[in-house]
Amino acid sequence: MSLRAARINAGFTLKEASREVGIHHETLAKYEKDSGNIPINLLNELSILYQIQLDYIFLGKRYDLIRTIRNKSKIAT
């Protein structure tokens, strides 16, 4: 699951979530697009806030996740 999907599933807006973890909303938006370089302490805070285990959060570019999902669905059919 992407960071954006985790946030939305937890019921937070971008500004609400960023306020909760003490960062600017544009910084969180940047990490939602590419979480490959997110600091581990921030990732831990977000996983607690969103109530999702770290193992379920996709780390990398959002478009890579979309591409991976599409490729897996093509293989399944």
N, C-alpha and C. Protein backbone atom coordinates (compact mmCIF):
# COMPACT_ATOMS: atom_id res chain seq x y z
N MET A 1 0.84 -1.16 0.00
CA MET A 1 0.00 0.00 0.00
C MET A 1 0.90 1.24 0.00
N SER A 2 0.52 2.24 -0.76
CA SER A 2 1.30 3.48 -0.80
C SER A 2 1.04 4.29 0.46
N LEU A 3 1.92 5.24 0.74
CA LEU A 3 1.72 6.13 1.88
C LEU A 3 0.43 6.92 1.72
N ARG A 4 0.14 7.35 0.51
CA ARG A 4 -1.08 8.11 0.26
C ARG A 4 -2.31 7.27 0.56
N ALA A 5 -2.33 6.04 0.09
CA ALA A 5 -3.46 5.15 0.35
C ALA A 5 -3.61 4.87 1.84
N ALA A 6 -2.48 4.69 2.53
CA ALA A 6 -2.53 4.45 3.97
C ALA A 6 -3.12 5.65 4.69
N ARG A 7 -2.73 6.84 4.28
CA ARG A 7 -3.25 8.07 4.89
C ARG A 7 -4.75 8.19 4.67
N ILE A 8 -5.18 7.99 3.45
CA ILE A 8 -6.59 8.12 3.12
C ILE A 8 -7.41 7.06 3.85
N ASN A 9 -6.91 5.83 3.90
CA ASN A 9 -7.62 4.76 4.61
C ASN A 9 -7.74 5.05 6.09
N ALA A 10 -6.77 5.78 6.64
CA ALA A 10 -6.80 6.13 8.06
C ALA A 10 -7.69 7.35 8.32
N GLY A 11 -8.16 8.00 7.26
CA GLY A 11 -9.09 9.11 7.40
C GLY A 11 -8.46 10.47 7.62
N PHE A 12 -7.20 10.63 7.20
CA PHE A 12 -6.50 11.90 7.38
C PHE A 12 -6.37 12.64 6.05
N THR A 13 -6.49 13.95 6.13
CA THR A 13 -6.12 14.78 4.98
C THR A 13 -4.60 14.93 5.02
N LEU A 14 -4.06 15.43 3.94
CA LEU A 14 -2.61 15.67 3.88
C LEU A 14 -2.17 16.63 4.98
N LYS A 15 -2.92 17.70 5.16
CA LYS A 15 -2.55 18.69 6.17
C LYS A 15 -2.70 18.14 7.59
N GLU A 16 -3.73 17.37 7.83
CA GLU A 16 -3.93 16.79 9.17
C GLU A 16 -2.79 15.85 9.53
N ALA A 17 -2.46 14.96 8.61
CA ALA A 17 -1.40 13.98 8.87
C ALA A 17 -0.06 14.67 9.07
N SER A 18 0.24 15.65 8.23
CA SER A 18 1.53 16.34 8.35
C SER A 18 1.61 17.11 9.67
N ARG A 19 0.51 17.67 10.10
CA ARG A 19 0.48 18.39 11.38
C ARG A 19 0.74 17.41 12.53
N GLU A 20 0.15 16.22 12.46
CA GLU A 20 0.30 15.21 13.51
C GLU A 20 1.76 14.77 13.69
N VAL A 21 2.51 14.69 12.60
CA VAL A 21 3.90 14.24 12.68
C VAL A 21 4.90 15.38 12.66
N GLY A 22 4.40 16.62 12.57
CA GLY A 22 5.27 17.78 12.70
C GLY A 22 6.10 18.13 11.49
N ILE A 23 5.55 17.92 10.29
CA ILE A 23 6.24 18.30 9.06
C ILE A 23 5.29 19.14 8.21
N HIS A 24 5.84 19.81 7.21
CA HIS A 24 5.03 20.61 6.29
C HIS A 24 4.26 19.67 5.37
N HIS A 25 3.05 20.07 4.98
CA HIS A 25 2.24 19.20 4.13
C HIS A 25 2.88 18.96 2.76
N GLU A 26 3.67 19.91 2.26
CA GLU A 26 4.35 19.70 0.99
C GLU A 26 5.44 18.63 1.11
N THR A 27 6.04 18.53 2.28
CA THR A 27 7.05 17.49 2.51
C THR A 27 6.38 16.12 2.50
N LEU A 28 5.24 16.01 3.16
CA LEU A 28 4.53 14.74 3.16
C LEU A 28 4.06 14.39 1.75
N ALA A 29 3.59 15.37 1.00
CA ALA A 29 3.17 15.13 -0.39
C ALA A 29 4.34 14.60 -1.22
N LYS A 30 5.52 15.14 -0.99
CA LYS A 30 6.72 14.68 -1.70
C LYS A 30 7.00 13.21 -1.39
N TYR A 31 6.91 12.86 -0.10
CA TYR A 31 7.16 11.47 0.29
C TYR A 31 6.06 10.53 -0.20
N GLU A 32 4.86 11.04 -0.36
CA GLU A 32 3.79 10.20 -0.90
C GLU A 32 4.03 9.89 -2.37
N LYS A 33 4.69 10.78 -3.08
CA LYS A 33 5.02 10.52 -4.49
C LYS A 33 6.23 9.62 -4.63
N ASP A 34 7.20 9.75 -3.72
CA ASP A 34 8.41 8.93 -3.76
C ASP A 34 8.90 8.73 -2.33
N SER A 35 8.55 7.60 -1.77
CA SER A 35 8.90 7.31 -0.38
C SER A 35 10.23 6.56 -0.26
N GLY A 36 10.97 6.48 -1.34
CA GLY A 36 12.23 5.74 -1.32
C GLY A 36 13.27 6.30 -0.38
N ASN A 37 13.23 7.61 -0.11
CA ASN A 37 14.22 8.24 0.76
C ASN A 37 13.62 8.80 2.05
N ILE A 38 12.49 8.30 2.45
CA ILE A 38 11.83 8.81 3.65
C ILE A 38 12.65 8.42 4.89
N PRO A 39 12.85 9.34 5.80
CA PRO A 39 13.58 9.00 7.04
C PRO A 39 12.82 7.92 7.83
N ILE A 40 13.53 6.97 8.37
CA ILE A 40 12.90 5.85 9.06
C ILE A 40 12.08 6.30 10.26
N ASN A 41 12.54 7.34 10.96
CA ASN A 41 11.76 7.80 12.11
C ASN A 41 10.41 8.37 11.66
N LEU A 42 10.37 9.06 10.54
CA LEU A 42 9.11 9.59 10.00
C LEU A 42 8.23 8.44 9.53
N LEU A 43 8.82 7.47 8.89
CA LEU A 43 8.06 6.31 8.44
C LEU A 43 7.42 5.59 9.63
N ASN A 44 8.17 5.45 10.71
CA ASN A 44 7.63 4.83 11.92
C ASN A 44 6.47 5.63 12.48
N GLU A 45 6.62 6.95 12.54
CA GLU A 45 5.54 7.81 13.05
C GLU A 45 4.28 7.68 12.19
N LEU A 46 4.46 7.65 10.88
CA LEU A 46 3.31 7.54 9.99
C LEU A 46 2.64 6.18 10.11
N SER A 47 3.42 5.12 10.27
CA SER A 47 2.81 3.80 10.39
C SER A 47 1.99 3.71 11.68
N ILE A 48 2.45 4.35 12.73
CA ILE A 48 1.69 4.39 13.99
C ILE A 48 0.43 5.23 13.81
N LEU A 49 0.58 6.41 13.21
CA LEU A 49 -0.55 7.29 12.99
C LEU A 49 -1.61 6.62 12.12
N TYR A 50 -1.18 5.95 11.06
CA TYR A 50 -2.10 5.32 10.12
C TYR A 50 -2.55 3.94 10.58
N GLN A 51 -1.94 3.45 11.66
CA GLN A 51 -2.24 2.12 12.22
C GLN A 51 -2.07 1.02 11.16
N ILE A 52 -0.89 1.04 10.55
CA ILE A 52 -0.55 0.02 9.56
C ILE A 52 0.89 -0.41 9.77
N GLN A 53 1.14 -1.70 9.66
CA GLN A 53 2.49 -2.22 9.85
C GLN A 53 3.40 -1.75 8.72
N LEU A 54 4.66 -1.54 9.07
CA LEU A 54 5.64 -1.09 8.07
C LEU A 54 5.73 -2.05 6.89
N ASP A 55 5.56 -3.33 7.14
CA ASP A 55 5.65 -4.33 6.07
C ASP A 55 4.63 -4.11 4.96
N TYR A 56 3.56 -3.41 5.27
CA TYR A 56 2.49 -3.21 4.29
C TYR A 56 2.61 -1.89 3.54
N ILE A 57 3.62 -1.10 3.85
CA ILE A 57 3.80 0.19 3.19
C ILE A 57 4.83 0.04 2.07
N PHE A 58 4.42 0.42 0.86
CA PHE A 58 5.31 0.36 -0.29
C PHE A 58 6.29 1.53 -0.22
N LEU A 59 7.57 1.22 -0.38
CA LEU A 59 8.60 2.26 -0.39
C LEU A 59 9.17 2.38 -1.79
N GLY A 60 9.05 3.55 -2.34
CA GLY A 60 9.53 3.80 -3.69
C GLY A 60 8.63 4.82 -4.37
N LYS A 61 8.79 4.95 -5.66
CA LYS A 61 7.98 5.90 -6.42
C LYS A 61 6.57 5.35 -6.62
N ARG A 62 5.59 6.21 -6.45
CA ARG A 62 4.19 5.80 -6.57
C ARG A 62 3.92 5.16 -7.93
N TYR A 63 4.55 5.70 -8.98
CA TYR A 63 4.32 5.16 -10.31
C TYR A 63 4.92 3.76 -10.48
N ASP A 64 5.96 3.46 -9.73
CA ASP A 64 6.52 2.10 -9.75
C ASP A 64 5.53 1.11 -9.15
N LEU A 65 4.84 1.53 -8.10
CA LEU A 65 3.83 0.68 -7.49
C LEU A 65 2.70 0.41 -8.46
N ILE A 66 2.23 1.45 -9.13
CA ILE A 66 1.14 1.30 -10.10
C ILE A 66 1.58 0.36 -11.23
N ARG A 67 2.79 0.54 -11.71
CA ARG A 67 3.31 -0.30 -12.78
C ARG A 67 3.41 -1.76 -12.32
N THR A 68 3.86 -1.98 -11.09
CA THR A 68 3.97 -3.33 -10.55
C THR A 68 2.62 -3.99 -10.46
N ILE A 69 1.63 -3.26 -9.98
CA ILE A 69 0.28 -3.81 -9.87
C ILE A 69 -0.28 -4.16 -11.24
N ARG A 70 -0.08 -3.29 -12.21
CA ARG A 70 -0.58 -3.56 -13.56
C ARG A 70 0.10 -4.79 -14.16
N ASN A 71 1.41 -4.91 -13.97
CA ASN A 71 2.13 -6.06 -14.50
C ASN A 71 1.66 -7.35 -13.87
N LYS A 72 1.40 -7.34 -12.58
CA LYS A 72 0.92 -8.55 -11.90
C LYS A 72 -0.47 -8.93 -12.38
N SER A 73 -1.31 -7.93 -12.66
CA SER A 73 -2.67 -8.26 -13.14
C SER A 73 -2.62 -8.80 -14.55
N LYS A 74 -1.66 -8.35 -15.36
CA LYS A 74 -1.52 -8.91 -16.72
C LYS A 74 -1.06 -10.35 -16.67
N ILE A 75 -0.17 -10.68 -15.74
CA ILE A 75 0.34 -12.03 -15.61
C ILE A 75 -0.77 -12.96 -15.12
N ALA A 76 -1.64 -12.47 -14.26
CA ALA A 76 -2.72 -13.29 -13.68
C ALA A 76 -3.78 -13.63 -14.72
N THR A 77 -3.91 -12.82 -15.78
CA THR A 77 -4.95 -13.08 -16.77
C THR A 77 -4.46 -13.90 -17.91
